[in-house]
C-alpha atoms as a PDB file:
ATOM      1  CA  MET A   1     113.591 120.420  60.586  1.00  0.00           C
ATOM      2  CA  ARG A   2     111.150 123.339  60.777  1.00  0.00           C
ATOM      3  CA  ARG A   3     110.667 123.158  56.999  1.00  0.00           C
ATOM      4  CA  GLU A   4     109.739 119.449  57.129  1.00  0.00           C
ATOM      5  CA  PHE A   5     107.313 120.093  59.972  1.00  0.00           C
ATOM      6  CA  ILE A   6     105.541 122.902  58.051  1.00  0.00           C
ATOM      7  CA  ILE A   7     105.344 120.831  54.865  1.00  0.00           C
ATOM      8  CA  ALA A   8     103.823 117.896  56.746  1.00  0.00           C
ATOM      9  CA  CYS A   9     101.147 120.131  58.291  1.00  0.00           C
ATOM     10  CA  ILE A  10     100.286 121.820  54.941  1.00  0.00           C
ATOM     11  CA  MET A  11      99.928 118.430  53.218  1.00  0.00           C
ATOM     12  CA  ALA A  12      97.615 117.245  55.958  1.00  0.00           C
ATOM     13  CA  LEU A  13      95.405 120.325  55.583  1.00  0.00           C
ATOM     14  CA  PHE A  14      95.199 120.028  51.791  1.00  0.00           C
ATOM     15  CA  VAL A  15      94.248 116.372  51.648  1.00  0.00           C
ATOM     16  CA  GLY A  16      92.149 116.305  54.813  1.00  0.00           C
ATOM     17  CA  ALA A  17      94.464 113.704  56.196  1.00  0.00           C
ATOM     18  CA  ASN A  18      94.939 112.565  59.746  1.00  0.00           C
ATOM     19  CA  ILE A  19      96.861 115.473  61.287  1.00  0.00           C
ATOM     20  CA  PRO A  20      98.158 113.598  64.345  1.00  0.00           C
ATOM     21  CA  SER A  21      99.850 110.971  62.138  1.00  0.00           C
ATOM     22  CA  ALA A  22     101.422 113.736  60.048  1.00  0.00           C
ATOM     23  CA  LEU A  23     102.773 115.343  63.200  1.00  0.00           C
ATOM     24  CA  VAL A  24     104.147 112.015  64.380  1.00  0.00           C
ATOM     25  CA  TYR A  25     105.974 111.552  61.070  1.00  0.00           C
ATOM     26  CA  ALA A  26     107.390 115.070  61.323  1.00  0.00           C
ATOM     27  CA  GLU A  27     108.617 114.314  64.840  1.00  0.00           C
ATOM     28  CA  ASN A  28     110.240 111.105  63.638  1.00  0.00           C
ATOM     29  CA  SER A  29     111.909 112.854  60.733  1.00  0.00           C
ATOM     30  CA  GLN A  30     113.513 115.270  63.203  1.00  0.00           C
ATOM     31  CA  SER A  31     115.029 112.491  65.279  1.00  0.00           C
ATOM     32  CA  THR A  32     118.608 112.933  64.081  1.00  0.00           C
ATOM     33  CA  GLU A  33     119.597 113.630  67.696  1.00  0.00           C
ATOM     34  CA  HIS A  34     117.786 110.429  68.740  1.00  0.00           C
ATOM     35  CA  LYS A  35     116.043 111.966  71.733  1.00  0.00           C
ATOM     36  CA  ILE A  36     113.022 109.754  71.029  1.00  0.00           C
ATOM     37  CA  LEU A  37     113.454 106.220  69.716  1.00  0.00           C
ATOM     38  CA  TYR A  38     110.686 103.803  68.746  1.00  0.00           C
ATOM     39  CA  VAL A  39     110.496 100.033  69.097  1.00  0.00           C
ATOM     40  CA  ASP A  40     107.966  97.731  67.442  1.00  0.00           C
ATOM     41  CA  ASP A  41     108.427  94.018  66.861  1.00  0.00           C
ATOM     42  CA  ASP A  42     106.886  94.544  63.396  1.00  0.00           C
ATOM     43  CA  TYR A  43     109.651  96.924  62.239  1.00  0.00           C
ATOM     44  CA  ASN A  44     112.277  95.516  59.847  1.00  0.00           C
ATOM     45  CA  GLU A  45     114.936  96.620  57.361  1.00  0.00           C
ATOM     46  CA  THR A  46     112.274  98.031  55.028  1.00  0.00           C
ATOM     47  CA  THR A  47     110.919 100.388  57.720  1.00  0.00           C
ATOM     48  CA  PRO A  48     111.991 104.031  57.163  1.00  0.00           C
ATOM     49  CA  GLY A  49     114.524 105.029  59.803  1.00  0.00           C
ATOM     50  CA  TYR A  50     115.204 101.419  60.820  1.00  0.00           C
ATOM     51  CA  GLY A  51     118.396 101.201  62.866  1.00  0.00           C
ATOM     52  CA  GLU A  52     118.451 104.985  63.290  1.00  0.00           C
ATOM     53  CA  PHE A  53     115.379 105.836  65.343  1.00  0.00           C
ATOM     54  CA  ARG A  54     113.161 102.774  64.750  1.00  0.00           C
ATOM     55  CA  PHE A  55     114.067  99.309  66.038  1.00  0.00           C
ATOM     56  CA  SER A  56     112.553  95.851  66.355  1.00  0.00           C
ATOM     57  CA  LYS A  57     114.457  95.032  69.581  1.00  0.00           C
ATOM     58  CA  ILE A  58     114.469  97.097  72.773  1.00  0.00           C
ATOM     59  CA  GLN A  59     118.133  96.364  73.486  1.00  0.00           C
ATOM     60  CA  ASP A  60     119.159  97.762  70.101  1.00  0.00           C
ATOM     61  CA  ALA A  61     117.396 101.019  70.990  1.00  0.00           C
ATOM     62  CA  ILE A  62     119.118 101.099  74.404  1.00  0.00           C
ATOM     63  CA  ASN A  63     122.504 100.667  72.735  1.00  0.00           C
ATOM     64  CA  LYS A  64     121.751 103.562  70.372  1.00  0.00           C
ATOM     65  CA  ALA A  65     120.200 105.914  72.928  1.00  0.00           C
ATOM     66  CA  PRO A  66     122.032 109.068  74.093  1.00  0.00           C
ATOM     67  CA  ASP A  67     121.522 110.702  77.484  1.00  0.00           C
ATOM     68  CA  GLY A  68     118.040 112.020  78.098  1.00  0.00           C
ATOM     69  CA  CYS A  69     116.497 109.672  75.544  1.00  0.00           C
ATOM     70  CA  LYS A  70     112.979 108.246  75.675  1.00  0.00           C
ATOM     71  CA  ILE A  71     112.400 104.829  74.131  1.00  0.00           C
ATOM     72  CA  ILE A  72     108.745 104.255  73.213  1.00  0.00           C
ATOM     73  CA  VAL A  73     107.876 100.561  72.950  1.00  0.00           C
ATOM     74  CA  TYR A  74     104.768  99.583  71.015  1.00  0.00           C
ATOM     75  CA  GLU A  75     102.531  96.550  71.476  1.00  0.00           C
ATOM     76  CA  GLY A  76     104.268  93.222  70.985  1.00  0.00           C
ATOM     77  CA  VAL A  77     106.029  90.272  72.595  1.00  0.00           C
ATOM     78  CA  TYR A  78     109.773  90.851  72.983  1.00  0.00           C
ATOM     79  CA  ASN A  79     111.802  87.698  73.616  1.00  0.00           C
ATOM     80  CA  GLU A  80     114.904  89.355  75.009  1.00  0.00           C
ATOM     81  CA  ARG A  81     116.534  90.449  78.236  1.00  0.00           C
ATOM     82  CA  LEU A  82     117.700  94.016  78.682  1.00  0.00           C
ATOM     83  CA  ASP A  83     120.944  95.418  80.097  1.00  0.00           C
ATOM     84  CA  ILE A  84     121.147  99.090  81.064  1.00  0.00           C
ATOM     85  CA  THR A  85     124.687  99.996  82.097  1.00  0.00           C
ATOM     86  CA  LYS A  86     126.625 103.178  82.745  1.00  0.00           C
ATOM     87  CA  ARG A  87     128.499 104.764  79.847  1.00  0.00           C
ATOM     88  CA  LYS A  88     132.133 105.779  79.580  1.00  0.00           C
ATOM     89  CA  GLU A  89     133.118 109.331  78.732  1.00  0.00           C
ATOM     90  CA  GLY A  90     136.903 109.493  78.577  1.00  0.00           C
ATOM     91  CA  ASN A  91     138.126 108.279  81.943  1.00  0.00           C
ATOM     92  CA  LYS A  92     134.768 108.934  83.591  1.00  0.00           C
ATOM     93  CA  ILE A  93     131.928 106.486  84.102  1.00  0.00           C
ATOM     94  CA  MET A  94     128.603 108.304  83.832  1.00  0.00           C
ATOM     95  CA  ASP A  95     124.961 107.435  84.445  1.00  0.00           C
ATOM     96  CA  ARG A  96     122.939 106.627  81.348  1.00  0.00           C
ATOM     97  CA  ILE A  97     119.885 108.890  81.596  1.00  0.00           C
ATOM     98  CA  ILE A  98     117.141 106.925  79.871  1.00  0.00           C
ATOM     99  CA  SER A  99     113.397 106.202  80.021  1.00  0.00           C
ATOM    100  CA  ILE A 100     111.782 103.076  78.552  1.00  0.00           C
ATOM    101  CA  ILE A 101     108.044 103.616  78.179  1.00  0.00           C
ATOM    102  CA  GLY A 102     105.569 100.975  77.068  1.00  0.00           C
ATOM    103  CA  GLU A 103     102.523 101.882  75.001  1.00  0.00           C
ATOM    104  CA  ASP A 104     100.274  99.679  77.183  1.00  0.00           C
ATOM    105  CA  LYS A 105     101.483  97.610  80.127  1.00  0.00           C
ATOM    106  CA  HIS A 106      99.005  94.853  79.259  1.00  0.00           C
ATOM    107  CA  ARG A 107     100.203  94.546  75.652  1.00  0.00           C
ATOM    108  CA  VAL A 108     103.933  95.312  75.749  1.00  0.00           C
ATOM    109  CA  ILE A 109     105.307  92.003  77.020  1.00  0.00           C
ATOM    110  CA  LEU A 110     108.927  91.162  77.760  1.00  0.00           C
ATOM    111  CA  LYS A 111     109.744  87.430  77.929  1.00  0.00           C
ATOM    112  CA  PRO A 112     113.433  86.944  78.753  1.00  0.00           C
ATOM    113  CA  PRO A 113     115.245  83.774  77.620  1.00  0.00           C
ATOM    114  CA  LYS A 114     117.276  83.404  80.858  1.00  0.00           C
ATOM    115  CA  ASP A 115     118.416  84.947  84.173  1.00  0.00           C
ATOM    116  CA  TYR A 116     116.404  88.202  84.300  1.00  0.00           C
ATOM    117  CA  ALA A 117     114.155  90.513  82.300  1.00  0.00           C
ATOM    118  CA  ILE A 118     115.979  93.830  82.915  1.00  0.00           C
ATOM    119  CA  LYS A 119     119.354  94.332  84.604  1.00  0.00           C
ATOM    120  CA  ILE A 120     120.039  97.916  85.674  1.00  0.00           C
ATOM    121  CA  SER A 121     123.514  99.018  86.771  1.00  0.00           C
ATOM    122  CA  SER A 122     123.091 102.718  86.022  1.00  0.00           C
ATOM    123  CA  GLY A 123     121.292 105.469  87.872  1.00  0.00           C
ATOM    124  CA  ARG A 124     118.669 107.865  86.487  1.00  0.00           C
ATOM    125  CA  VAL A 125     116.728 105.108  84.724  1.00  0.00           C
ATOM    126  CA  THR A 126     112.928 104.941  84.365  1.00  0.00           C
ATOM    127  CA  ILE A 127     110.989 101.801  83.411  1.00  0.00           C
ATOM    128  CA  ASP A 128     107.327 102.566  82.757  1.00  0.00           C
ATOM    129  CA  GLY A 129     104.441 100.531  81.380  1.00  0.00           C
ATOM    130  CA  LEU A 130     105.995  97.138  80.596  1.00  0.00           C
ATOM    131  CA  SER A 131     104.799  93.641  81.378  1.00  0.00           C
ATOM    132  CA  MET A 132     107.436  91.022  82.255  1.00  0.00           C
ATOM    133  CA  ASP A 133     106.764  87.286  82.427  1.00  0.00           C
ATOM    134  CA  GLY A 134     109.384  84.875  83.759  1.00  0.00           C
ATOM    135  CA  GLY A 135     107.513  81.755  82.719  1.00  0.00           C
ATOM    136  CA  ARG A 136     108.262  80.295  86.187  1.00  0.00           C
ATOM    137  CA  ASN A 137     111.791  79.352  85.118  1.00  0.00           C
ATOM    138  CA  ILE A 138     113.599  82.729  85.156  1.00  0.00           C
ATOM    139  CA  GLY A 139     115.036  84.053  88.434  1.00  0.00           C
ATOM    140  CA  LYS A 140     114.640  87.830  88.487  1.00  0.00           C
ATOM    141  CA  GLY A 141     112.293  90.341  86.886  1.00  0.00           C
ATOM    142  CA  ILE A 142     114.049  93.690  87.334  1.00  0.00           C
ATOM    143  CA  TYR A 143     117.555  93.206  88.754  1.00  0.00           C
ATOM    144  CA  ILE A 144     119.294  96.318  90.155  1.00  0.00           C
ATOM    145  CA  LEU A 145     122.971  96.171  91.125  1.00  0.00           C
ATOM    146  CA  VAL A 146     126.262  98.071  90.864  1.00  0.00           C
ATOM    147  CA  GLY A 147     128.569  97.120  88.027  1.00  0.00           C
ATOM    148  CA  GLU A 148     131.689  99.122  88.954  1.00  0.00           C
ATOM    149  CA  ALA A 149     133.153  98.738  92.442  1.00  0.00           C
ATOM    150  CA  GLU A 150     133.612 102.473  92.983  1.00  0.00           C
ATOM    151  CA  GLN A 151     130.242 103.561  91.581  1.00  0.00           C
ATOM    152  CA  TYR A 152     126.752 104.081  92.984  1.00  0.00           C
ATOM    153  CA  VAL A 153     123.377 103.469  91.369  1.00  0.00           C
ATOM    154  CA  ARG A 154     120.813 106.089  92.384  1.00  0.00           C
ATOM    155  CA  ARG A 155     117.405 107.208  91.113  1.00  0.00           C
ATOM    156  CA  VAL A 156     115.821 104.195  89.497  1.00  0.00           C
ATOM    157  CA  ASP A 157     112.061 104.603  88.972  1.00  0.00           C
ATOM    158  CA  ILE A 158     109.859 101.601  88.186  1.00  0.00           C
ATOM    159  CA  ARG A 159     106.287 102.566  87.325  1.00  0.00           C
ATOM    160  CA  ASN A 160     103.110 100.941  86.051  1.00  0.00           C
ATOM    161  CA  CYS A 161     104.677  97.557  85.331  1.00  0.00           C
ATOM    162  CA  ILE A 162     103.285  94.029  85.620  1.00  0.00           C
ATOM    163  CA  ILE A 163     105.963  91.600  86.816  1.00  0.00           C
ATOM    164  CA  SER A 164     105.020  87.959  87.262  1.00  0.00           C
ATOM    165  CA  ASN A 165     106.266  84.373  87.357  1.00  0.00           C
ATOM    166  CA  PHE A 166     109.902  84.978  88.369  1.00  0.00           C
ATOM    167  CA  THR A 167     111.290  82.362  90.742  1.00  0.00           C
ATOM    168  CA  GLU A 168     113.443  84.642  92.956  1.00  0.00           C
ATOM    169  CA  ALA A 169     111.716  88.033  92.938  1.00  0.00           C
ATOM    170  CA  GLY A 170     109.775  90.416  90.747  1.00  0.00           C
ATOM    171  CA  ILE A 171     112.158  93.259  91.697  1.00  0.00           C
ATOM    172  CA  PHE A 172     115.564  92.296  93.136  1.00  0.00           C
ATOM    173  CA  VAL A 173     118.034  94.875  94.568  1.00  0.00           C
ATOM    174  CA  ASP A 174     121.476  93.489  95.324  1.00  0.00           C
ATOM    175  CA  ASN A 175     124.124  96.029  96.322  1.00  0.00           C
ATOM    176  CA  GLU A 176     124.483  98.353  99.308  1.00  0.00           C
ATOM    177  CA  ARG A 177     125.463 101.171  96.944  1.00  0.00           C
ATOM    178  CA  VAL A 178     122.007 101.121  95.326  1.00  0.00           C
ATOM    179  CA  ASP A 179     119.809 103.933  96.631  1.00  0.00           C
ATOM    180  CA  LEU A 180     116.725 106.024  95.810  1.00  0.00           C
ATOM    181  CA  VAL A 181     114.781 103.259  94.086  1.00  0.00           C
ATOM    182  CA  THR A 182     111.052 103.985  93.782  1.00  0.00           C
ATOM    183  CA  ILE A 183     108.350 101.490  92.810  1.00  0.00           C
ATOM    184  CA  ASP A 184     104.952 102.950  91.956  1.00  0.00           C
ATOM    185  CA  GLY A 185     101.754 101.559  90.464  1.00  0.00           C
ATOM    186  CA  CYS A 186     103.175  98.109  89.771  1.00  0.00           C
ATOM    187  CA  LYS A 187     101.616  94.674  89.951  1.00  0.00           C
ATOM    188  CA  LEU A 188     103.946  92.000  91.345  1.00  0.00           C
ATOM    189  CA  ILE A 189     102.255  88.614  91.379  1.00  0.00           C
ATOM    190  CA  GLN A 190     103.192  84.944  91.505  1.00  0.00           C
ATOM    191  CA  ASN A 191     106.916  85.467  91.974  1.00  0.00           C
ATOM    192  CA  GLY A 192     109.236  83.989  94.593  1.00  0.00           C
ATOM    193  CA  ARG A 193     109.061  87.315  96.439  1.00  0.00           C
ATOM    194  CA  GLY A 194     107.338  90.445  95.209  1.00  0.00           C
ATOM    195  CA  VAL A 195     110.081  92.930  96.120  1.00  0.00           C
ATOM    196  CA  TYR A 196     113.401  91.729  97.546  1.00  0.00           C
ATOM    197  CA  ALA A 197     116.189  94.108  98.586  1.00  0.00           C
ATOM    198  CA  ARG A 198     118.927  91.714  99.648  1.00  0.00           C
ATOM    199  CA  ARG A 199     121.320  94.648  99.837  1.00  0.00           C
ATOM    200  CA  GLY A 200     120.625  98.271  99.006  1.00  0.00           C
ATOM    201  CA  ASN A 201     117.845 100.697  99.703  1.00  0.00           C
ATOM    202  CA  ILE A 202     114.365 100.997  98.243  1.00  0.00           C
ATOM    203  CA  ASP A 203     113.092 104.468  99.038  1.00  0.00           C
ATOM    204  CA  MET A 204     109.367 104.108  98.278  1.00  0.00           C
ATOM    205  CA  ILE A 205     106.838 101.409  97.372  1.00  0.00           C
ATOM    206  CA  THR A 206     103.466 102.992  96.589  1.00  0.00           C
ATOM    207  CA  PHE A 207     100.149 102.117  94.892  1.00  0.00           C
ATOM    208  CA  CYS A 208     101.254  98.555  94.081  1.00  0.00           C
ATOM    209  CA  GLU A 209      99.493  95.227  94.175  1.00  0.00           C
ATOM    210  CA  ILE A 210     101.847  92.634  95.635  1.00  0.00           C
ATOM    211  CA  SER A 211     100.073  89.320  95.834  1.00  0.00           C
ATOM    212  CA  LYS A 212     100.231  85.542  95.463  1.00  0.00           C
ATOM    213  CA  ASN A 213     104.018  85.416  95.751  1.00  0.00           C
ATOM    214  CA  ALA A 214     105.476  82.195  97.145  1.00  0.00           C
ATOM    215  CA  GLU A 215     107.363  83.883 100.010  1.00  0.00           C
ATOM    216  CA  ASP A 216     107.224  87.411 101.475  1.00  0.00           C
ATOM    217  CA  GLY A 217     105.433  90.166  99.619  1.00  0.00           C
ATOM    218  CA  ILE A 218     108.173  92.687 100.523  1.00  0.00           C
ATOM    219  CA  CYS A 219     111.512  91.638 102.025  1.00  0.00           C
ATOM    220  CA  LEU A 220     114.043  94.338 102.977  1.00  0.00           C
ATOM    221  CA  GLU A 221     117.523  93.421 104.184  1.00  0.00           C
ATOM    222  CA  LYS A 222     119.995  96.143 105.179  1.00  0.00           C
ATOM    223  CA  ALA A 223     117.582  98.842 104.049  1.00  0.00           C
ATOM    224  CA  ARG A 224     117.890 102.274 105.638  1.00  0.00           C
ATOM    225  CA  VAL A 225     114.743 104.315 105.060  1.00  0.00           C
ATOM    226  CA  CYS A 226     111.659 103.032 103.278  1.00  0.00           C
ATOM    227  CA  THR A 227     108.080 104.247 102.850  1.00  0.00           C
ATOM    228  CA  ILE A 228     105.546 101.500 102.104  1.00  0.00           C
ATOM    229  CA  GLU A 229     102.289 103.289 101.444  1.00  0.00           C
ATOM    230  CA  ARG A 230      98.898 102.713  99.760  1.00  0.00           C
ATOM    231  CA  ASN A 231      99.580  99.180  98.555  1.00  0.00           C
ATOM    232  CA  ILE A 232      97.507  96.012  98.509  1.00  0.00           C
ATOM    233  CA  ILE A 233      99.709  93.238  99.906  1.00  0.00           C
ATOM    234  CA  SER A 234      97.735  90.023  99.934  1.00  0.00           C
ATOM    235  CA  ASN A 235      97.808  86.241  99.840  1.00  0.00           C
ATOM    236  CA  ASN A 236     101.577  85.852  99.896  1.00  0.00           C
ATOM    237  CA  GLY A 237     103.123  82.633 101.192  1.00  0.00           C
ATOM    238  CA  GLY A 238     105.296  84.358 103.809  1.00  0.00           C
ATOM    239  CA  PHE A 239     104.780  87.664 105.605  1.00  0.00           C
ATOM    240  CA  ALA A 240     103.359  90.755 103.955  1.00  0.00           C
ATOM    241  CA  ILE A 241     106.450  92.734 105.035  1.00  0.00           C
ATOM    242  CA  SER A 242     109.713  91.290 106.347  1.00  0.00           C
ATOM    243  CA  ILE A 243     112.505  93.592 107.567  1.00  0.00           C
ATOM    244  CA  LYS A 244     115.845  91.984 108.300  1.00  0.00           C
ATOM    245  CA  SER A 245     118.933  93.146 110.153  1.00  0.00           C
ATOM    246  CA  SER A 246     120.714  96.268 108.933  1.00  0.00           C
ATOM    247  CA  PRO A 247     124.106  97.796 109.732  1.00  0.00           C
ATOM    248  CA  TYR A 248     122.488 101.192 109.135  1.00  0.00           C
ATOM    249  CA  GLU A 249     119.981 103.210 111.133  1.00  0.00           C
ATOM    250  CA  GLY A 250     116.644 101.919 109.830  1.00  0.00           C
ATOM    251  CA  LEU A 251     113.490 104.021 109.632  1.00  0.00           C
ATOM    252  CA  TYR A 252     110.269 102.628 108.120  1.00  0.00           C
ATOM    253  CA  PHE A 253     106.876 104.167 107.365  1.00  0.00           C
ATOM    254  CA  ILE A 254     104.082 101.614 106.744  1.00  0.00           C
ATOM    255  CA  ASN A 255     100.905 103.572 106.104  1.00  0.00           C
ATOM    256  CA  ASN A 256      97.501 103.229 104.408  1.00  0.00           C
ATOM    257  CA  ASN A 257      98.066  99.684 103.136  1.00  0.00           C
ATOM    258  CA  HIS A 258      95.551  96.872 102.819  1.00  0.00           C
ATOM    259  CA  ILE A 259      97.316  93.765 104.168  1.00  0.00           C
ATOM    260  CA  GLU A 260      95.239  90.615 103.884  1.00  0.00           C
ATOM    261  CA  GLY A 261      95.585  86.839 103.856  1.00  0.00           C
ATOM    262  CA  ASN A 262      99.362  86.571 104.093  1.00  0.00           C
ATOM    263  CA  GLU A 263     100.150  83.083 105.288  1.00  0.00           C
ATOM    264  CA  LYS A 264     102.764  83.665 108.018  1.00  0.00           C
ATOM    265  CA  GLY A 265     101.556  87.029 109.275  1.00  0.00           C
ATOM    266  CA  ALA A 266     101.563  90.772 108.679  1.00  0.00           C
ATOM    267  CA  ILE A 267     104.956  92.257 109.664  1.00  0.00           C
ATOM    268  CA  THR A 268     108.130  90.669 110.987  1.00  0.00           C
ATOM    269  CA  THR A 269     111.731  91.549 111.726  1.00  0.00           C
ATOM    270  CA  THR A 270     114.717  89.363 112.530  1.00  0.00           C
ATOM    271  CA  ASP A 271     115.907  89.028 116.118  1.00  0.00           C
ATOM    272  CA  ASN A 272     119.008  91.187 115.715  1.00  0.00           C
ATOM    273  CA  ASN A 273     117.848  94.561 114.381  1.00  0.00           C
ATOM    274  CA  ASP A 274     120.467  96.456 116.357  1.00  0.00           C
ATOM    275  CA  TYR A 275     120.058  99.678 114.389  1.00  0.00           C
ATOM    276  CA  LEU A 276     116.316 100.001 113.891  1.00  0.00           C
ATOM    277  CA  ILE A 277     115.440 103.482 115.157  1.00  0.00           C
ATOM    278  CA  GLY A 278     111.816 103.874 114.126  1.00  0.00           C
ATOM    279  CA  MET A 279     108.782 102.133 112.649  1.00  0.00           C
ATOM    280  CA  PHE A 280     105.522 104.009 112.073  1.00  0.00           C
ATOM    281  CA  ILE A 281     102.475 101.825 111.305  1.00  0.00           C
ATOM    282  CA  LYS A 282      99.382 103.908 110.628  1.00  0.00           C
ATOM    283  CA  TRP A 283      95.942 103.672 108.972  1.00  0.00           C
ATOM    284  CA  ASN A 284      96.419 100.131 107.630  1.00  0.00           C
ATOM    285  CA  ASN A 285      93.919  97.306 107.290  1.00  0.00           C
ATOM    286  CA  PHE A 286      95.180  94.028 108.770  1.00  0.00           C
ATOM    287  CA  VAL A 287      92.717  91.356 107.672  1.00  0.00           C
ATOM    288  CA  GLU A 288      92.948  87.612 108.329  1.00  0.00           C
ATOM    289  CA  ASN A 289      96.717  87.327 108.121  1.00  0.00           C
ATOM    290  CA  GLY A 290      98.360  84.178 109.448  1.00  0.00           C
ATOM    291  CA  ASP A 291      99.020  83.501 113.123  1.00  0.00           C
ATOM    292  CA  ASN A 292      96.329  85.974 114.177  1.00  0.00           C
ATOM    293  CA  ASN A 293      97.682  88.946 112.223  1.00  0.00           C
ATOM    294  CA  LYS A 294     101.138  88.322 113.642  1.00  0.00           C
ATOM    295  CA  ILE A 295     103.372  91.379 114.117  1.00  0.00           C
ATOM    296  CA  TYR A 296     106.873  90.735 115.459  1.00  0.00           C
ATOM    297  CA  ILE A 297     109.247  93.688 115.869  1.00  0.00           C
ATOM    298  CA  ILE A 298     112.609  93.299 117.610  1.00  0.00           C
ATOM    299  CA  THR A 299     115.337  95.894 118.127  1.00  0.00           C
ATOM    300  CA  GLU A 300     118.295  95.932 120.511  1.00  0.00           C
ATOM    301  CA  CYS A 301     118.848  99.740 120.620  1.00  0.00           C
ATOM    302  CA  ARG A 302     122.599  99.527 120.065  1.00  0.00           C
ATOM    303  CA  TYR A 303     122.690 102.383 117.578  1.00  0.00           C
ATOM    304  CA  LEU A 304     120.998 104.811 119.943  1.00  0.00           C
ATOM    305  CA  SER A 305     123.055 103.633 122.899  1.00  0.00           C
ATOM    306  CA  ALA A 306     126.255 104.106 120.925  1.00  0.00           C
ATOM    307  CA  LYS A 307     125.170 107.647 120.082  1.00  0.00           C
ATOM    308  CA  GLY A 308     124.462 108.341 123.757  1.00  0.00           C
ATOM    309  CA  LYS A 309     120.775 109.023 123.164  1.00  0.00           C
ATOM    310  CA  GLY A 310     119.603 106.932 126.087  1.00  0.00           C
ATOM    311  CA  PHE A 311     116.091 106.210 124.781  1.00  0.00           C
ATOM    312  CA  PRO A 312     114.577 103.329 122.798  1.00  0.00           C
ATOM    313  CA  PRO A 313     113.551 103.528 119.154  1.00  0.00           C
ATOM    314  CA  ILE A 314     110.005 104.514 118.258  1.00  0.00           C
ATOM    315  CA  VAL A 315     107.442 101.867 117.310  1.00  0.00           C
ATOM    316  CA  TYR A 316     104.234 103.783 116.690  1.00  0.00           C
ATOM    317  CA  PHE A 317     100.769 102.468 115.826  1.00  0.00           C
ATOM    318  CA  LYS A 318      97.850 104.689 114.871  1.00  0.00           C
ATOM    319  CA  GLU A 319      94.271 103.929 113.756  1.00  0.00           C
ATOM    320  CA  ASN A 320      94.879 100.570 112.145  1.00  0.00           C
ATOM    321  CA  TYR A 321      91.905  98.325 111.417  1.00  0.00           C
ATOM    322  CA  TRP A 322      92.090  94.725 112.609  1.00  0.00           C
ATOM    323  CA  GLU A 323      90.092  91.698 111.539  1.00  0.00           C
ATOM    324  CA  PRO A 324      89.715  89.597 113.664  1.00  0.00           C
ATOM    325  CA  ALA A 325      88.957  92.469 115.979  1.00  0.00           C
ATOM    326  CA  PHE A 326      92.106  92.171 118.087  1.00  0.00           C
ATOM    327  CA  PRO A 327      95.412  90.561 117.125  1.00  0.00           C
ATOM    328  CA  LYS A 328      96.552  88.029 119.671  1.00  0.00           C
ATOM    329  CA  ASN A 329     100.103  87.632 118.418  1.00  0.00           C
ATOM    330  CA  ILE A 330     101.913  90.961 118.623  1.00  0.00           C
ATOM    331  CA  LYS A 331     105.373  91.106 120.116  1.00  0.00           C
ATOM    332  CA  ILE A 332     107.660  94.125 120.357  1.00  0.00           C
ATOM    333  CA  ARG A 333     110.992  94.048 122.154  1.00  0.00           C
ATOM    334  CA  TRP A 334     113.266  97.018 122.867  1.00  0.00           C
ATOM    335  CA  GLY A 335     116.506  95.541 124.177  1.00  0.00           C
ATOM    336  CA  PRO A 336     115.611  93.990 127.551  1.00  0.00           C
ATOM    337  CA  PHE A 337     112.002  95.255 127.466  1.00  0.00           C
ATOM    338  CA  SER A 338     109.227  93.234 125.862  1.00  0.00           C
ATOM    339  CA  LEU A 339     105.581  94.047 125.150  1.00  0.00           C
ATOM    340  CA  GLU A 340     103.120  91.409 124.020  1.00  0.00           C
ATOM    341  CA  GLY A 341      99.422  91.547 123.189  1.00  0.00           C
ATOM    342  CA  LEU A 342      98.749  95.009 124.590  1.00  0.00           C
ATOM    343  CA  ARG A 343      95.215  96.340 124.191  1.00  0.00           C
ATOM    344  CA  TRP A 344      96.336  99.737 122.897  1.00  0.00           C
ATOM    345  CA  TYR A 345      97.048  98.234 119.504  1.00  0.00           C
ATOM    346  CA  ARG A 346      93.302  98.048 118.947  1.00  0.00           C
ATOM    347  CA  THR A 347      93.013 101.657 117.869  1.00  0.00           C
ATOM    348  CA  HIS A 348      90.492 101.496 115.024  1.00  0.00           C
ATOM    349  CA  PRO A 349      87.815  98.865 115.742  1.00  0.00           C
ATOM    350  CA  GLY A 350      85.209 100.347 113.389  1.00  0.00           C
ATOM    351  CA  LYS A 351      84.957 100.085 109.617  1.00  0.00           C
ATOM    352  CA  GLU A 352      88.032  99.196 107.640  1.00  0.00           C
ATOM    353  CA  HIS A 353      89.803 101.930 105.702  1.00  0.00           C
ATOM    354  CA  ALA A 354      89.150 102.241 101.979  1.00  0.00           C
ATOM    355  CA  LYS A 355      91.432 100.050  99.938  1.00  0.00           C
ATOM    356  CA  PRO A 356      94.190 101.886  98.067  1.00  0.00           C
ATOM    357  CA  PRO A 357      93.242 102.763  94.474  1.00  0.00           C
ATOM    358  CA  VAL A 358      95.619 100.290  92.868  1.00  0.00           C
ATOM    359  CA  ASP A 359      95.446 100.113  89.076  1.00  0.00           C
ATOM    360  CA  PRO A 360      94.194  96.679  87.911  1.00  0.00           C
END
């Protein structure tokens, strides 16, 4: 391997050739361990290394990839859906440690033929820099679930992706044994919902644009702990953020977001959030959301009562900006106690906070 690398560099120096391309070829020629695989829809059987470390389909590269592999996907339109599953090692079922990285999220486009764009049932997976288009007739963009009854799926990172035109959700989490999912720098537009965790936990949603979805921008059911921070959540058909009942102790941090023009309102919960123990809402812009920037938070305190704590959960507002100047439709209920339309919610009447630096 070292010999091939040195020869490639010497040839480049002698002929005045493009050194970076020579180094890339040397790297490719060393790929017998397949730690880096390459996908381009222009590759074919005549391409050197085709089927070994170069592929024309992303799924073929996934099937070939060992643990710790990076799959680099070049510009193109890929008419396929992807399945990333755990691998078997003897009697053990192990996570497949893999990263799929697009060359340019605007030019690496995945158009699935049915059901979903990417199904993930393995932990330690990264999806970075892909665009997915459901054509308004495919249900799910990225679909995260657990394939084996006794297994967990943890540590799924979704970064810098554009996910649009899926009828159910751009990102759909559907098992209570899914945990530590992070979504960063993504654009989720014109889906049924932007992010939908029907079951399972999404740990962080940051620096995303979540807009023009038919229903809620973010909908979390049975989620435990989630940070929603520095996002633009706008012009969705439902609420910006909807949090539904959970059998677990729920703790939510909603900070530094720009929340604007969502049809039904800003934030809502269901009426039976027995286990919600804390919601911190700080430094957000709430601008012209439906029903006068409606915020509706209900908890019955049963978790804390069962633990003998004897105090209600925390619902904490700090320095949010409101437009119109004061929201007229805020309701918070702790068990038998109810607070509506209190003036102390108007904590930042001056200029709105800077919008989060979301990548276009």
